[in-house]
N, C-alpha and C. Protein backbone atom coordinates (compact mmCIF):
# COMPACT_ATOMS: atom_id res chain seq x y z
N MET A 1 15.84 -12.03 36.79
CA MET A 1 15.69 -10.55 35.99
C MET A 1 14.96 -10.92 34.82
N PRO A 2 14.15 -10.05 34.36
CA PRO A 2 13.28 -10.09 33.20
C PRO A 2 14.05 -9.63 32.09
N ILE A 3 13.91 -10.21 31.04
CA ILE A 3 14.48 -9.77 29.72
C ILE A 3 13.43 -9.35 28.70
N CYS A 4 13.88 -8.14 27.87
CA CYS A 4 13.09 -7.83 26.74
C CYS A 4 13.98 -7.65 25.51
N PHE A 5 13.11 -8.03 24.47
CA PHE A 5 13.45 -7.66 22.78
C PHE A 5 12.64 -6.70 22.46
N GLY A 6 13.18 -5.29 22.34
CA GLY A 6 12.62 -4.30 21.93
C GLY A 6 13.25 -3.62 20.86
N MET A 7 12.74 -2.26 20.12
CA MET A 7 13.41 -1.87 19.41
C MET A 7 14.69 -1.23 19.74
N ARG A 8 14.98 -1.19 20.86
CA ARG A 8 16.15 -0.58 21.36
C ARG A 8 17.29 -1.77 21.30
N GLU A 9 17.12 -2.88 21.71
CA GLU A 9 17.93 -4.18 21.32
C GLU A 9 18.07 -4.29 20.09
N PHE A 10 17.11 -4.24 19.22
CA PHE A 10 17.02 -4.38 17.76
C PHE A 10 17.93 -3.55 17.00
N ALA A 11 18.01 -2.26 17.70
CA ALA A 11 18.82 -1.11 16.84
C ALA A 11 20.47 -1.43 17.40
N ILE A 12 20.63 -1.90 18.66
CA ILE A 12 22.03 -2.06 18.93
C ILE A 12 22.62 -3.33 18.34
N ILE A 13 21.82 -4.17 18.01
CA ILE A 13 22.41 -5.44 17.19
C ILE A 13 22.50 -5.05 15.70
N THR A 14 21.28 -4.28 15.36
CA THR A 14 21.69 -4.19 13.64
C THR A 14 22.55 -2.96 13.31
N GLY A 15 22.23 -1.64 14.44
CA GLY A 15 23.10 -0.35 13.66
C GLY A 15 22.01 0.18 12.83
N LEU A 16 20.92 -0.21 12.54
CA LEU A 16 20.25 0.68 11.60
C LEU A 16 19.66 1.94 12.08
N ASN A 17 19.33 2.70 10.84
CA ASN A 17 18.53 3.98 11.19
C ASN A 17 17.28 3.74 11.66
N CYS A 18 17.15 4.79 12.99
CA CYS A 18 15.87 4.86 13.73
C CYS A 18 15.14 6.02 13.79
N HIS A 19 15.13 6.48 12.45
CA HIS A 19 14.28 7.77 11.74
C HIS A 19 13.06 7.42 11.76
N LEU A 20 12.28 8.63 12.26
CA LEU A 20 10.80 7.99 12.14
C LEU A 20 10.32 7.83 10.76
N SER A 21 9.95 8.67 10.00
CA SER A 21 9.66 8.43 8.42
C SER A 21 10.26 9.56 7.54
N VAL A 22 10.37 9.02 6.22
CA VAL A 22 11.03 9.66 5.13
C VAL A 22 9.80 10.36 4.54
N VAL A 23 9.89 11.70 3.95
CA VAL A 23 9.05 12.44 3.29
C VAL A 23 9.38 12.46 1.95
N TYR A 24 8.78 12.18 0.79
CA TYR A 24 9.64 12.37 -0.42
C TYR A 24 9.08 13.57 -1.06
N ASP A 25 10.03 14.53 -1.49
CA ASP A 25 9.47 15.57 -2.19
C ASP A 25 10.17 15.67 -3.52
N GLU A 26 9.46 15.22 -4.74
CA GLU A 26 9.55 14.88 -5.99
C GLU A 26 10.38 16.45 -6.50
N GLU A 27 9.70 17.49 -6.01
CA GLU A 27 10.14 18.76 -6.78
C GLU A 27 11.66 18.64 -6.23
N LYS A 28 12.24 18.48 -5.34
CA LYS A 28 13.73 18.40 -5.00
C LYS A 28 14.67 17.37 -5.58
N MET A 29 14.01 16.52 -5.99
CA MET A 29 14.63 15.27 -6.71
C MET A 29 15.51 15.94 -7.81
N SER A 30 16.63 15.26 -8.23
CA SER A 30 17.33 15.48 -9.08
C SER A 30 16.94 14.85 -10.49
N THR A 31 17.07 15.42 -11.70
CA THR A 31 16.62 15.04 -12.78
C THR A 31 17.23 13.65 -13.00
N THR A 32 18.47 13.36 -12.68
CA THR A 32 19.05 12.05 -12.77
C THR A 32 18.04 11.15 -12.03
N ILE A 33 18.00 11.46 -10.70
CA ILE A 33 17.09 10.64 -9.78
C ILE A 33 15.96 10.21 -10.33
N LEU A 34 15.03 11.26 -10.82
CA LEU A 34 13.86 11.15 -11.66
C LEU A 34 13.68 10.38 -12.71
N ARG A 35 14.94 10.36 -13.55
CA ARG A 35 15.09 9.49 -14.56
C ARG A 35 15.23 8.06 -14.30
N ARG A 36 16.23 7.76 -13.36
CA ARG A 36 16.19 6.58 -12.84
C ARG A 36 15.04 5.89 -12.41
N ARG A 37 14.38 6.52 -11.58
CA ARG A 37 12.98 6.26 -11.09
C ARG A 37 12.09 5.76 -12.20
N GLN A 38 11.93 6.49 -13.28
CA GLN A 38 11.43 6.18 -14.53
C GLN A 38 11.69 5.01 -15.12
N LYS A 39 12.90 4.90 -14.94
CA LYS A 39 13.64 3.54 -15.88
C LYS A 39 13.22 2.47 -15.00
N ILE A 40 13.16 2.52 -13.70
CA ILE A 40 12.90 1.20 -12.89
C ILE A 40 11.66 1.05 -12.87
N ILE A 41 10.62 1.88 -13.06
CA ILE A 41 9.08 1.77 -13.19
C ILE A 41 8.77 0.99 -14.29
N ASP A 42 9.72 1.59 -15.36
CA ASP A 42 9.67 1.04 -16.61
C ASP A 42 9.81 -0.55 -16.75
N LEU A 43 10.93 -0.80 -16.08
CA LEU A 43 11.53 -2.11 -16.14
C LEU A 43 10.44 -2.72 -15.17
N LEU A 44 10.24 -2.77 -14.20
CA LEU A 44 9.57 -3.49 -13.05
C LEU A 44 8.04 -3.48 -13.09
N GLY A 45 7.48 -2.36 -13.49
CA GLY A 45 6.19 -1.71 -13.01
C GLY A 45 6.43 -1.35 -11.65
N LYS A 46 5.36 -1.04 -10.99
CA LYS A 46 5.31 -0.45 -9.53
C LYS A 46 5.60 -1.70 -8.48
N THR A 47 5.49 -2.70 -8.96
CA THR A 47 5.50 -3.80 -8.08
C THR A 47 6.20 -5.19 -8.87
N CYS A 48 7.03 -5.90 -8.29
CA CYS A 48 7.42 -7.22 -8.93
C CYS A 48 8.19 -8.06 -7.91
N LYS A 49 8.23 -9.30 -8.41
CA LYS A 49 8.45 -10.58 -7.52
C LYS A 49 10.01 -10.57 -7.78
N GLU A 50 10.42 -11.14 -6.80
CA GLU A 50 12.03 -11.78 -6.47
C GLU A 50 12.56 -12.33 -7.77
N LYS A 51 12.05 -13.14 -8.31
CA LYS A 51 12.38 -13.90 -9.51
C LYS A 51 12.56 -12.91 -10.83
N GLU A 52 11.53 -11.73 -10.87
CA GLU A 52 11.75 -10.88 -12.11
C GLU A 52 13.07 -9.90 -11.72
N LEU A 53 13.06 -9.52 -10.55
CA LEU A 53 13.93 -8.87 -10.00
C LEU A 53 15.42 -9.34 -10.12
N ILE A 54 15.65 -10.69 -10.24
CA ILE A 54 16.72 -11.41 -10.36
C ILE A 54 17.28 -11.38 -11.66
N GLU A 55 16.15 -11.50 -12.53
CA GLU A 55 16.43 -11.62 -14.16
C GLU A 55 16.73 -10.35 -14.59
N HIS A 56 16.03 -9.24 -14.03
CA HIS A 56 16.81 -7.76 -14.34
C HIS A 56 18.05 -7.55 -13.89
N ILE A 57 18.52 -7.78 -12.84
CA ILE A 57 19.74 -7.69 -12.29
C ILE A 57 21.02 -8.52 -13.25
N LYS A 58 20.47 -9.54 -13.42
CA LYS A 58 21.57 -10.20 -14.38
C LYS A 58 21.46 -10.09 -15.89
N SER A 59 20.36 -9.11 -16.42
CA SER A 59 20.43 -8.87 -17.84
C SER A 59 21.59 -7.72 -18.14
N ASP A 60 22.01 -8.10 -19.53
CA ASP A 60 22.75 -7.06 -19.91
C ASP A 60 22.29 -5.94 -20.40
N ASP A 61 20.97 -5.62 -20.70
CA ASP A 61 20.35 -4.51 -21.23
C ASP A 61 19.76 -3.51 -20.13
N VAL A 62 19.98 -3.75 -19.13
CA VAL A 62 19.67 -2.95 -17.80
C VAL A 62 21.04 -1.75 -17.62
N HIS A 63 20.71 -0.77 -17.37
CA HIS A 63 21.97 0.14 -17.17
C HIS A 63 22.39 -0.08 -15.71
N LYS A 64 23.76 0.14 -15.62
CA LYS A 64 24.58 -0.06 -14.39
C LYS A 64 23.88 0.72 -13.13
N SER A 65 23.34 2.04 -13.41
CA SER A 65 22.86 2.60 -12.17
C SER A 65 21.61 1.87 -11.92
N VAL A 66 20.70 1.72 -12.79
CA VAL A 66 19.36 0.91 -12.37
C VAL A 66 19.80 -0.29 -11.75
N LYS A 67 21.04 -1.13 -12.18
CA LYS A 67 21.22 -2.08 -11.52
C LYS A 67 21.61 -2.03 -9.97
N LYS A 68 22.16 -0.98 -9.80
CA LYS A 68 22.58 -0.66 -8.30
C LYS A 68 21.19 -0.62 -7.55
N SER A 69 20.34 0.21 -8.22
CA SER A 69 19.12 0.31 -7.56
C SER A 69 18.46 -1.06 -7.12
N LEU A 70 18.45 -1.79 -8.16
CA LEU A 70 17.80 -3.22 -7.87
C LEU A 70 18.36 -4.10 -7.08
N CYS A 71 19.74 -4.05 -6.86
CA CYS A 71 20.57 -4.65 -6.14
C CYS A 71 20.00 -4.24 -4.48
N LEU A 72 19.82 -2.74 -4.46
CA LEU A 72 19.46 -2.66 -2.88
C LEU A 72 18.23 -3.12 -2.62
N LEU A 73 17.18 -3.32 -3.67
CA LEU A 73 15.67 -3.91 -3.42
C LEU A 73 16.04 -5.20 -3.00
N TYR A 74 17.21 -5.93 -3.84
CA TYR A 74 17.22 -7.37 -3.56
C TYR A 74 17.85 -7.61 -2.16
N PHE A 75 18.83 -6.66 -1.67
CA PHE A 75 19.15 -7.04 -0.22
C PHE A 75 18.22 -6.59 0.82
N VAL A 76 17.28 -5.85 0.58
CA VAL A 76 16.37 -5.36 1.45
C VAL A 76 15.25 -6.33 1.59
N HIS A 77 14.98 -7.14 0.58
CA HIS A 77 13.67 -7.95 0.36
C HIS A 77 14.26 -9.57 1.10
N ASN A 78 15.62 -9.32 0.77
CA ASN A 78 16.14 -10.94 1.08
C ASN A 78 16.85 -10.85 2.39
N PHE A 79 17.30 -9.71 2.91
CA PHE A 79 18.22 -9.53 4.21
C PHE A 79 17.40 -9.13 5.34
N LEU A 80 16.95 -7.90 5.22
CA LEU A 80 16.57 -7.10 6.23
C LEU A 80 15.25 -7.42 6.41
N CYS A 81 14.29 -7.41 5.15
CA CYS A 81 12.79 -7.54 5.40
C CYS A 81 12.55 -8.88 4.85
N THR A 82 13.23 -9.85 4.94
CA THR A 82 12.93 -11.29 4.24
C THR A 82 11.39 -11.54 4.32
N LYS A 83 10.53 -11.95 3.10
CA LYS A 83 9.33 -12.28 3.04
C LYS A 83 9.55 -13.69 2.08
N ASP A 84 8.37 -14.06 1.92
CA ASP A 84 8.10 -15.16 1.09
C ASP A 84 8.66 -14.70 -0.52
N LEU A 85 9.27 -15.86 -1.22
CA LEU A 85 9.86 -15.37 -2.41
C LEU A 85 8.72 -15.00 -3.28
N ASN A 86 7.45 -15.47 -3.21
CA ASN A 86 6.64 -14.90 -4.20
C ASN A 86 5.72 -13.74 -3.63
N THR A 87 6.22 -12.89 -2.68
CA THR A 87 5.47 -11.67 -2.23
C THR A 87 6.26 -10.83 -3.00
N LYS A 88 5.27 -9.52 -3.57
CA LYS A 88 5.90 -8.73 -4.61
C LYS A 88 6.19 -7.63 -3.60
N LEU A 89 7.37 -6.91 -4.08
CA LEU A 89 7.83 -5.78 -3.56
C LEU A 89 7.12 -4.62 -3.35
N PRO A 90 7.06 -3.99 -2.06
CA PRO A 90 6.20 -2.82 -2.01
C PRO A 90 6.45 -1.57 -3.04
N VAL A 91 5.31 -1.02 -3.43
CA VAL A 91 5.62 -0.04 -4.57
C VAL A 91 6.55 1.26 -3.95
N GLU A 92 6.34 1.34 -2.40
CA GLU A 92 7.11 2.25 -1.77
C GLU A 92 8.81 1.85 -2.38
N TRP A 93 9.03 0.71 -1.78
CA TRP A 93 10.56 0.49 -1.89
C TRP A 93 11.07 0.45 -3.11
N VAL A 94 10.12 0.29 -4.12
CA VAL A 94 10.44 0.34 -5.66
C VAL A 94 10.88 1.88 -5.84
N LEU A 95 9.84 2.66 -5.61
CA LEU A 95 10.20 3.90 -5.81
C LEU A 95 11.23 4.66 -5.15
N LEU A 96 11.37 4.11 -3.88
CA LEU A 96 12.52 4.66 -3.07
C LEU A 96 14.15 4.51 -3.56
N SER A 97 14.15 3.29 -4.47
CA SER A 97 15.29 2.79 -4.60
C SER A 97 15.91 3.38 -5.68
N ALA A 98 15.38 4.52 -6.42
CA ALA A 98 16.04 5.27 -7.22
C ALA A 98 16.73 6.18 -6.71
N ASP A 99 16.46 6.76 -5.47
CA ASP A 99 17.46 7.70 -4.71
C ASP A 99 17.90 7.19 -3.56
N ARG A 100 19.44 6.72 -3.89
CA ARG A 100 20.08 5.88 -2.94
C ARG A 100 20.46 6.80 -1.62
N ASP A 101 20.47 7.74 -1.60
CA ASP A 101 20.69 8.63 -0.18
C ASP A 101 19.10 8.65 0.46
N GLU A 102 18.21 8.68 -0.14
CA GLU A 102 16.76 8.50 0.39
C GLU A 102 16.95 6.96 1.00
N PHE A 103 17.13 6.19 0.28
CA PHE A 103 17.13 4.43 0.37
C PHE A 103 17.80 4.25 1.58
N SER A 104 19.30 5.03 1.74
CA SER A 104 20.04 4.81 3.06
C SER A 104 19.25 5.35 4.01
N ALA A 105 18.65 6.55 3.96
CA ALA A 105 18.42 7.48 5.12
C ALA A 105 16.70 6.63 5.93
N TYR A 106 16.28 5.62 4.67
CA TYR A 106 14.55 5.35 5.40
C TYR A 106 14.99 4.47 6.34
N PRO A 107 13.69 4.44 7.26
CA PRO A 107 13.72 3.61 8.58
C PRO A 107 13.82 2.13 8.34
N TRP A 108 14.30 1.42 7.57
CA TRP A 108 14.57 -0.01 7.18
C TRP A 108 14.26 -0.88 8.96
N GLU A 109 14.83 0.08 9.87
CA GLU A 109 14.93 -0.70 11.19
C GLU A 109 13.28 -0.61 11.68
N HIS A 110 12.45 0.06 11.51
CA HIS A 110 11.05 -0.19 11.77
C HIS A 110 10.58 -1.25 11.09
N VAL A 111 10.66 -1.05 9.70
CA VAL A 111 10.27 -2.03 8.84
C VAL A 111 10.71 -3.57 9.52
N SER A 112 11.76 -3.77 9.57
CA SER A 112 12.74 -5.17 9.62
C SER A 112 12.03 -5.47 11.37
N TYR A 113 12.22 -4.79 11.95
CA TYR A 113 11.55 -4.74 13.72
C TYR A 113 9.96 -5.50 13.53
N ALA A 114 9.28 -4.63 12.87
CA ALA A 114 7.87 -4.91 12.87
C ALA A 114 7.59 -6.26 12.27
N LEU A 115 8.23 -6.72 11.11
CA LEU A 115 8.13 -7.76 10.44
C LEU A 115 8.74 -8.96 11.13
N THR A 116 9.84 -8.87 11.85
CA THR A 116 10.53 -9.77 12.66
C THR A 116 9.29 -10.35 13.98
N ILE A 117 9.18 -9.15 14.55
CA ILE A 117 7.98 -9.46 15.85
C ILE A 117 6.90 -9.95 15.33
N GLU A 118 6.14 -9.58 14.03
CA GLU A 118 5.08 -10.18 13.27
C GLU A 118 5.17 -11.85 13.40
N TYR A 119 6.36 -11.98 12.86
CA TYR A 119 6.36 -13.42 12.46
C TYR A 119 6.83 -14.22 13.56
N LEU A 120 7.60 -13.76 14.86
CA LEU A 120 8.17 -14.24 15.85
C LEU A 120 6.63 -14.61 16.89
N LEU A 121 5.89 -13.57 16.68
CA LEU A 121 4.47 -13.72 17.42
C LEU A 121 3.41 -14.83 16.87
N LYS A 122 3.37 -14.90 15.51
CA LYS A 122 2.80 -16.02 14.89
C LYS A 122 3.17 -17.26 15.19
N ALA A 123 4.65 -17.44 15.37
CA ALA A 123 5.03 -18.62 15.77
C ALA A 123 4.81 -18.93 17.23
N VAL A 124 5.08 -18.25 18.10
CA VAL A 124 4.44 -18.43 19.32
C VAL A 124 3.16 -18.78 19.71
N ASN A 125 2.31 -17.80 18.86
CA ASN A 125 0.82 -17.96 19.22
C ASN A 125 0.20 -18.76 18.38
N SER A 126 0.78 -19.60 17.41
CA SER A 126 0.06 -20.57 16.42
C SER A 126 -0.01 -21.94 16.90
N ASN A 127 -1.31 -22.47 16.86
CA ASN A 127 -1.26 -23.76 17.10
C ASN A 127 -0.53 -24.72 15.84
N VAL A 128 -0.25 -24.03 14.78
CA VAL A 128 0.32 -24.74 13.63
C VAL A 128 1.69 -24.45 13.67
N LYS A 129 2.62 -25.58 13.55
CA LYS A 129 4.19 -25.37 13.42
C LYS A 129 4.31 -24.58 12.07
N ILE A 130 5.29 -23.48 12.30
CA ILE A 130 5.60 -22.68 11.46
C ILE A 130 7.13 -23.02 11.23
N SER A 131 7.54 -23.05 9.86
CA SER A 131 9.03 -23.46 9.79
C SER A 131 9.71 -22.10 9.03
N ASN A 132 8.99 -21.47 8.88
CA ASN A 132 9.53 -20.01 8.08
C ASN A 132 9.35 -18.96 9.23
N HIS A 133 10.37 -18.20 9.43
CA HIS A 133 10.51 -17.11 10.17
C HIS A 133 11.02 -15.74 9.29
N TYR A 134 10.01 -15.29 8.67
CA TYR A 134 10.27 -13.87 7.99
C TYR A 134 10.86 -12.87 8.95
N GLY A 135 11.18 -11.68 8.31
CA GLY A 135 11.92 -10.38 8.86
C GLY A 135 13.13 -10.62 8.87
N PHE A 136 13.83 -10.33 10.08
CA PHE A 136 15.24 -10.35 10.34
C PHE A 136 15.65 -11.18 11.47
N PRO A 137 15.15 -12.51 11.61
CA PRO A 137 15.50 -13.56 12.87
C PRO A 137 16.58 -13.61 13.26
N TRP A 138 17.92 -13.23 12.59
CA TRP A 138 18.96 -13.12 12.78
C TRP A 138 19.57 -12.40 14.05
N VAL A 139 18.70 -11.11 14.01
CA VAL A 139 19.04 -10.28 15.19
C VAL A 139 18.41 -10.81 16.41
N PHE A 140 17.38 -11.56 16.52
CA PHE A 140 16.71 -11.94 17.32
C PHE A 140 17.48 -13.20 18.10
N MET A 141 17.93 -14.12 17.14
CA MET A 141 18.61 -15.20 17.70
C MET A 141 20.11 -14.67 18.42
N CYS A 142 20.80 -13.58 17.63
CA CYS A 142 21.93 -13.15 18.46
C CYS A 142 21.67 -12.58 19.64
N TRP A 143 20.47 -11.86 19.87
CA TRP A 143 20.06 -11.27 21.02
C TRP A 143 19.64 -12.38 22.14
N ALA A 144 19.26 -13.38 21.73
CA ALA A 144 18.82 -14.36 22.66
C ALA A 144 20.07 -15.18 23.30
N PHE A 145 21.14 -15.16 22.41
CA PHE A 145 22.10 -15.95 22.70
C PHE A 145 23.23 -15.30 24.01
N LYS A 146 22.98 -13.89 23.56
CA LYS A 146 23.64 -12.75 24.45
C LYS A 146 22.72 -12.70 25.81
N ALA A 147 21.31 -12.34 25.68
CA ALA A 147 20.50 -12.36 26.77
C ALA A 147 20.31 -13.61 27.69
N ILE A 148 20.45 -14.52 27.19
CA ILE A 148 20.24 -16.10 27.67
C ILE A 148 21.63 -16.87 27.59
N PRO A 149 22.57 -16.57 28.34
CA PRO A 149 23.59 -17.41 28.40
C PRO A 149 23.62 -18.99 28.23
N SER A 150 22.67 -19.52 29.21
CA SER A 150 22.49 -20.78 29.05
C SER A 150 22.03 -21.77 27.63
N LEU A 151 21.68 -20.83 26.60
CA LEU A 151 21.41 -21.26 25.29
C LEU A 151 22.53 -21.93 24.78
C-alpha cells in the first residue's frame, strides 16, 4: 500500500490553520495595533536575527505587549518554521506579530509545510550529508512512525 506525506497529513498532525492567505488592511487596524506595530519596527527594524530578538525579549525596557509579539515571533521562528539561527526573520512576520488575531489566523501550516518539504527533499536529493533539517521535521517523524509501524 503506497503512503503519502502531504499537506493533509501535515494538517492532521499539527492542527494548524489551513487558510489560503491573509490580506492586511491597515485602514481596518486599530490604533493600538498600529502603535504596537510601530514600536516593534522601531525596536527591531524590518528584520532581525534571533539573537537580537532574544535580547529584546529579555530587556526590561520593552513594553509587555511588544514582548508578547516578540515571543510569538520567537515561537514561529524556532518551532514551526525553524531555520538557521543566523537567518533574519521575514519582514512579513515582524509586521504581522503586532496583530495577534491576524498572526493566529495566518496560514502557518503552509509556510511550515513548504519549509519542511524543502529541507526533506534537500536531504534526500543531496550528495552531501545534511545534519540540519529545518522546517517542522517532528511532524514528519510522527507521521512516519504512525504510517510505517515497522520503524
